[in-house]
Amino acid sequence: MNFLAHGIRFVDRPWFLVGTAVPDLLSVADRRVRLRERHLAPHLERDSTTEDEPDAELARGVRQHLVDDDWFHRTVGFHEVTGRLTSMFRESVGTDGFRCGFLGHIGCEMLIDAVLTERDPHLLDAYYDAVGAVDPARVEQRVNELAPRRTERLAAFLVRFREARFLYDYQDSARLLTRLNQVLQRVKLTPLPPETGRVVEAGRDVVRDALERLLPPERFAPPPPPGTAP
């Protein structure tokens, strides 16, 4: 799952939402720093009576990310869609199975965020409003309390993340391909040629058709807008 899919339910809880993004932010900002359930458990027990306190909310958000990933990556929908996207990339760029399997995986997750935004254009605005409501320095401080290794890169990267607003790029297949190539470059894989944009566009249809199997509404629905009757 990507940023928006993780955070879609929590746009009204900024610290929790940013917690759901922290593992992915760290994977770019400082890959040496990893958070696991065993790192979180003592802090969650300690903070069990302070649900609205930012530090506790951030830790709970990180745990939600881990729970979501564990569930999502074992679903039939994820394996079906990533398998189809992997085949589409392989037909386009060759038979490098590892590369195409990686593309199918991350392409699926990026396209889910694209389709979520397509369905509700205001959702991404709400997501970035929530990200903008937290203190990046405090996020980094809290992560350093949770993680076995310290980072001095997360706060600055969180500022860049909310200023760049790259999730808006996912609405255009050429710009999404650019973002996909940036991921490939980070993991030392060859960037895709521009003509692969047609695979991204076709993949958008695949994810659009499968969205409710990928993210069941009863599990991933966003909160109702303020003032909406239950």
Protein backbone atom coordinates (compact mmCIF):
# COMPACT_ATOMS: atom_id res chain seq x y z
CA MET A 1 0.00 0.00 0.00
CA ASN A 2 1.06 3.54 -0.71
CA PHE A 3 0.60 6.80 1.22
CA LEU A 4 -3.02 7.66 0.50
CA ALA A 5 -4.32 4.10 0.82
CA HIS A 6 -2.73 3.85 4.27
CA GLY A 7 -4.02 7.23 5.41
CA ILE A 8 -7.45 7.42 3.77
CA ARG A 9 -9.33 6.61 7.00
CA PHE A 10 -7.41 9.04 9.18
CA VAL A 11 -7.50 12.45 7.51
CA ASP A 12 -9.21 13.74 10.68
CA ARG A 13 -6.33 12.44 12.87
CA PRO A 14 -3.15 14.13 11.57
CA TRP A 15 -0.61 12.50 13.89
CA PHE A 16 -2.05 9.05 13.30
CA LEU A 17 -2.08 9.67 9.53
CA VAL A 18 1.55 10.76 9.50
CA GLY A 19 2.37 7.66 11.53
CA THR A 20 0.94 5.54 8.72
CA ALA A 21 3.36 7.29 6.34
CA VAL A 22 6.48 7.08 8.53
CA PRO A 23 7.75 3.63 7.39
CA ASP A 24 7.56 4.69 3.72
CA LEU A 25 9.09 8.09 4.45
CA LEU A 26 11.99 6.39 6.21
CA SER A 27 12.50 4.05 3.26
CA VAL A 28 13.44 7.12 1.22
CA ALA A 29 14.88 9.49 3.81
CA ASP A 30 16.97 7.02 5.82
CA ARG A 31 16.75 3.36 4.83
CA ARG A 32 18.92 2.28 7.77
CA VAL A 33 16.05 3.04 10.15
CA ARG A 34 13.30 0.42 10.30
CA LEU A 35 10.33 0.15 12.64
CA ARG A 36 8.88 -3.21 13.61
CA GLU A 37 6.02 -4.28 15.86
CA ARG A 38 8.47 -5.27 18.59
CA HIS A 39 9.83 -1.72 18.67
CA LEU A 40 6.36 -0.25 19.11
CA ALA A 41 4.84 -2.57 21.70
CA PRO A 42 6.44 -1.09 24.86
CA HIS A 43 5.48 2.44 23.82
CA LEU A 44 1.92 1.50 22.92
CA GLU A 45 1.45 -0.15 26.31
CA ARG A 46 2.85 2.89 28.07
CA ASP A 47 0.62 5.27 26.11
CA SER A 48 -2.54 3.17 26.30
CA THR A 49 -4.46 5.87 28.22
CA THR A 50 -3.39 8.85 26.09
CA GLU A 51 -5.12 8.17 22.81
CA ASP A 52 -5.29 11.80 21.66
CA GLU A 53 -1.71 12.64 22.61
CA PRO A 54 0.39 13.21 19.46
CA ASP A 55 3.23 10.86 20.36
CA ALA A 56 0.82 8.00 21.07
CA GLU A 57 -1.14 8.71 17.91
CA LEU A 58 2.03 8.65 15.81
CA ALA A 59 3.04 5.26 17.25
CA ARG A 60 -0.43 3.87 16.63
CA GLY A 61 -0.27 5.11 13.05
CA VAL A 62 3.02 3.31 12.48
CA ARG A 63 1.49 0.11 13.84
CA GLN A 64 -1.52 0.58 11.55
CA HIS A 65 0.85 0.75 8.57
CA LEU A 66 2.42 -2.57 9.58
CA VAL A 67 -0.99 -4.20 10.12
CA ASP A 68 -2.26 -2.91 6.77
CA ASP A 69 0.78 -4.17 4.87
CA ASP A 70 0.62 -7.58 6.50
CA TRP A 71 -3.04 -7.94 5.54
CA PHE A 72 -2.84 -6.35 2.09
CA HIS A 73 0.13 -8.30 0.76
CA ARG A 74 -1.60 -11.60 1.54
CA THR A 75 -4.90 -10.81 -0.22
CA VAL A 76 -6.08 -12.48 -3.41
CA GLY A 77 -6.81 -9.08 -4.96
CA PHE A 78 -3.25 -7.87 -4.49
CA HIS A 79 -1.75 -11.02 -6.00
CA GLU A 80 -4.14 -11.00 -8.94
CA VAL A 81 -3.57 -7.34 -9.81
CA THR A 82 0.20 -7.39 -9.31
CA GLY A 83 0.39 -10.57 -11.40
CA ARG A 84 -1.49 -8.91 -14.23
CA LEU A 85 0.60 -5.74 -14.07
CA THR A 86 3.80 -7.81 -13.95
CA SER A 87 2.75 -9.54 -17.18
CA MET A 88 1.95 -6.20 -18.81
CA PHE A 89 5.35 -4.75 -17.91
CA ARG A 90 7.11 -7.92 -19.06
CA GLU A 91 5.40 -7.74 -22.45
CA SER A 92 6.54 -4.15 -22.77
CA VAL A 93 10.13 -4.20 -21.49
CA GLY A 94 11.31 -7.79 -21.60
CA THR A 95 11.69 -10.88 -19.47
CA ASP A 96 13.54 -9.59 -16.40
CA GLY A 97 11.20 -11.27 -13.95
CA PHE A 98 12.53 -9.64 -10.78
CA ARG A 99 12.32 -6.20 -12.27
CA CYS A 100 8.86 -6.77 -13.70
CA GLY A 101 7.63 -8.32 -10.46
CA PHE A 102 8.87 -5.27 -8.59
CA LEU A 103 7.16 -3.02 -11.13
CA GLY A 104 3.91 -4.93 -10.74
CA HIS A 105 4.06 -4.50 -6.98
CA ILE A 106 4.91 -0.82 -6.74
CA GLY A 107 2.87 0.04 -9.84
CA CYS A 108 -0.21 -1.47 -8.21
CA GLU A 109 0.31 0.52 -5.02
CA MET A 110 0.92 3.83 -6.80
CA LEU A 111 -2.08 3.33 -9.07
CA ILE A 112 -4.32 2.62 -6.09
CA ASP A 113 -3.54 6.12 -4.79
CA ALA A 114 -4.18 7.50 -8.28
CA VAL A 115 -7.60 5.86 -8.51
CA LEU A 116 -8.55 6.89 -4.97
CA THR A 117 -7.81 10.51 -5.91
CA GLU A 118 -9.74 10.12 -9.15
CA ARG A 119 -12.79 8.92 -7.23
CA ASP A 120 -12.62 11.71 -4.64
CA PRO A 121 -10.53 14.70 -5.82
CA HIS A 122 -10.84 16.39 -2.40
CA LEU A 123 -9.32 13.46 -0.53
CA LEU A 124 -5.75 14.29 -1.47
CA ASP A 125 -6.20 17.90 -0.35
CA ALA A 126 -7.42 16.60 3.02
CA TYR A 127 -4.44 14.23 3.20
CA TYR A 128 -1.91 17.01 2.67
CA ASP A 129 -3.77 19.31 5.07
CA ALA A 130 -3.33 16.63 7.72
CA VAL A 131 0.37 16.20 6.92
CA GLY A 132 0.79 19.96 7.20
CA ALA A 133 -0.76 20.00 10.68
CA VAL A 134 2.08 18.14 12.42
CA ASP A 135 5.50 19.32 13.57
CA PRO A 136 8.21 17.54 11.52
CA ALA A 137 10.81 17.96 14.27
CA ARG A 138 8.52 16.29 16.79
CA VAL A 139 7.82 13.46 14.34
CA GLU A 140 11.56 12.82 14.03
CA GLN A 141 12.04 13.01 17.80
CA ARG A 142 9.25 10.47 18.38
CA VAL A 143 10.60 8.11 15.72
CA ASN A 144 13.99 8.25 17.42
CA GLU A 145 12.30 7.13 20.63
CA LEU A 146 10.66 4.22 18.82
CA ALA A 147 13.38 2.99 16.46
CA PRO A 148 16.54 1.05 17.38
CA ARG A 149 18.62 3.49 15.29
CA ARG A 150 18.45 7.27 15.20
CA THR A 151 17.83 9.42 12.16
CA GLU A 152 18.57 13.07 11.51
CA ARG A 153 16.97 13.08 8.06
CA LEU A 154 13.27 12.49 8.63
CA ALA A 155 12.14 15.98 9.64
CA ALA A 156 13.70 17.66 6.61
CA PHE A 157 12.35 14.98 4.31
CA LEU A 158 8.84 15.33 5.73
CA VAL A 159 8.98 19.05 4.93
CA ARG A 160 10.00 18.25 1.34
CA PHE A 161 7.31 15.57 1.10
CA ARG A 162 4.51 17.97 1.95
CA GLU A 163 5.93 20.75 -0.23
CA ALA A 164 6.51 18.58 -3.32
CA ARG A 165 2.99 17.07 -3.17
CA PHE A 166 4.05 14.44 -5.66
CA LEU A 167 0.93 12.34 -5.11
CA TYR A 168 -0.88 14.82 -7.36
CA ASP A 169 1.38 13.68 -10.20
CA TYR A 170 -0.27 10.25 -10.17
CA GLN A 171 -3.28 11.63 -12.06
CA ASP A 172 -1.18 11.90 -15.21
CA SER A 173 0.38 8.68 -16.52
CA ALA A 174 3.52 10.38 -17.88
CA ARG A 175 4.20 12.06 -14.53
CA LEU A 176 3.40 8.86 -12.66
CA LEU A 177 5.97 7.10 -14.85
CA THR A 178 8.50 9.75 -13.85
CA ARG A 179 7.80 9.02 -10.18
CA LEU A 180 8.02 5.29 -10.83
CA ASN A 181 11.42 5.79 -12.47
CA GLN A 182 12.62 7.70 -9.42
CA VAL A 183 11.81 4.63 -7.32
CA LEU A 184 13.70 2.41 -9.77
CA GLN A 185 16.74 4.67 -9.61
CA ARG A 186 16.72 4.53 -5.80
CA VAL A 187 16.93 0.74 -5.88
CA LYS A 188 19.55 0.71 -8.67
CA LEU A 189 17.25 -0.53 -11.45
CA THR A 190 17.18 0.79 -15.02
CA PRO A 191 14.51 3.47 -15.59
CA LEU A 192 11.66 2.66 -17.95
CA PRO A 193 11.43 4.26 -21.42
CA PRO A 194 8.72 6.87 -22.09
CA GLU A 195 6.62 4.47 -24.16
CA THR A 196 5.99 2.45 -20.98
CA GLY A 197 3.48 5.16 -20.13
CA ARG A 198 0.91 3.17 -22.11
CA VAL A 199 1.37 0.28 -19.65
CA VAL A 200 0.80 2.67 -16.76
CA GLU A 201 -2.36 3.94 -18.42
CA ALA A 202 -3.66 0.43 -19.05
CA GLY A 203 -2.73 -0.52 -15.49
CA ARG A 204 -4.86 2.34 -14.26
CA ASP A 205 -7.90 0.59 -15.77
CA VAL A 206 -6.89 -2.70 -14.13
CA VAL A 207 -6.68 -1.10 -10.69
CA ARG A 208 -9.83 0.95 -11.24
CA ASP A 209 -11.81 -2.19 -11.98
CA ALA A 210 -10.36 -4.06 -8.98
CA LEU A 211 -10.32 -1.26 -6.40
CA GLU A 212 -13.05 -2.60 -4.13
CA ARG A 213 -11.32 -5.99 -4.01
CA LEU A 214 -8.01 -4.33 -3.24
CA LEU A 215 -9.41 -1.95 -0.62
CA PRO A 216 -12.79 -3.19 0.65
CA PRO A 217 -14.94 -0.15 1.57
CA GLU A 218 -15.81 -1.59 4.97
CA ARG A 219 -12.10 -1.60 5.83
CA PHE A 220 -10.73 1.46 4.03
CA ALA A 221 -13.54 4.03 3.79
CA PRO A 222 -12.51 7.60 4.70
CA PRO A 223 -14.36 9.35 7.54
CA PRO A 224 -17.44 11.36 6.54
CA PRO A 225 -16.94 15.09 5.98
CA PRO A 226 -17.55 17.30 9.06
CA GLY A 227 -21.24 17.92 9.64
CA THR A 228 -22.36 14.82 7.76
CA ALA A 229 -25.03 12.80 9.49
CA PRO A 230 -23.98 9.24 10.39
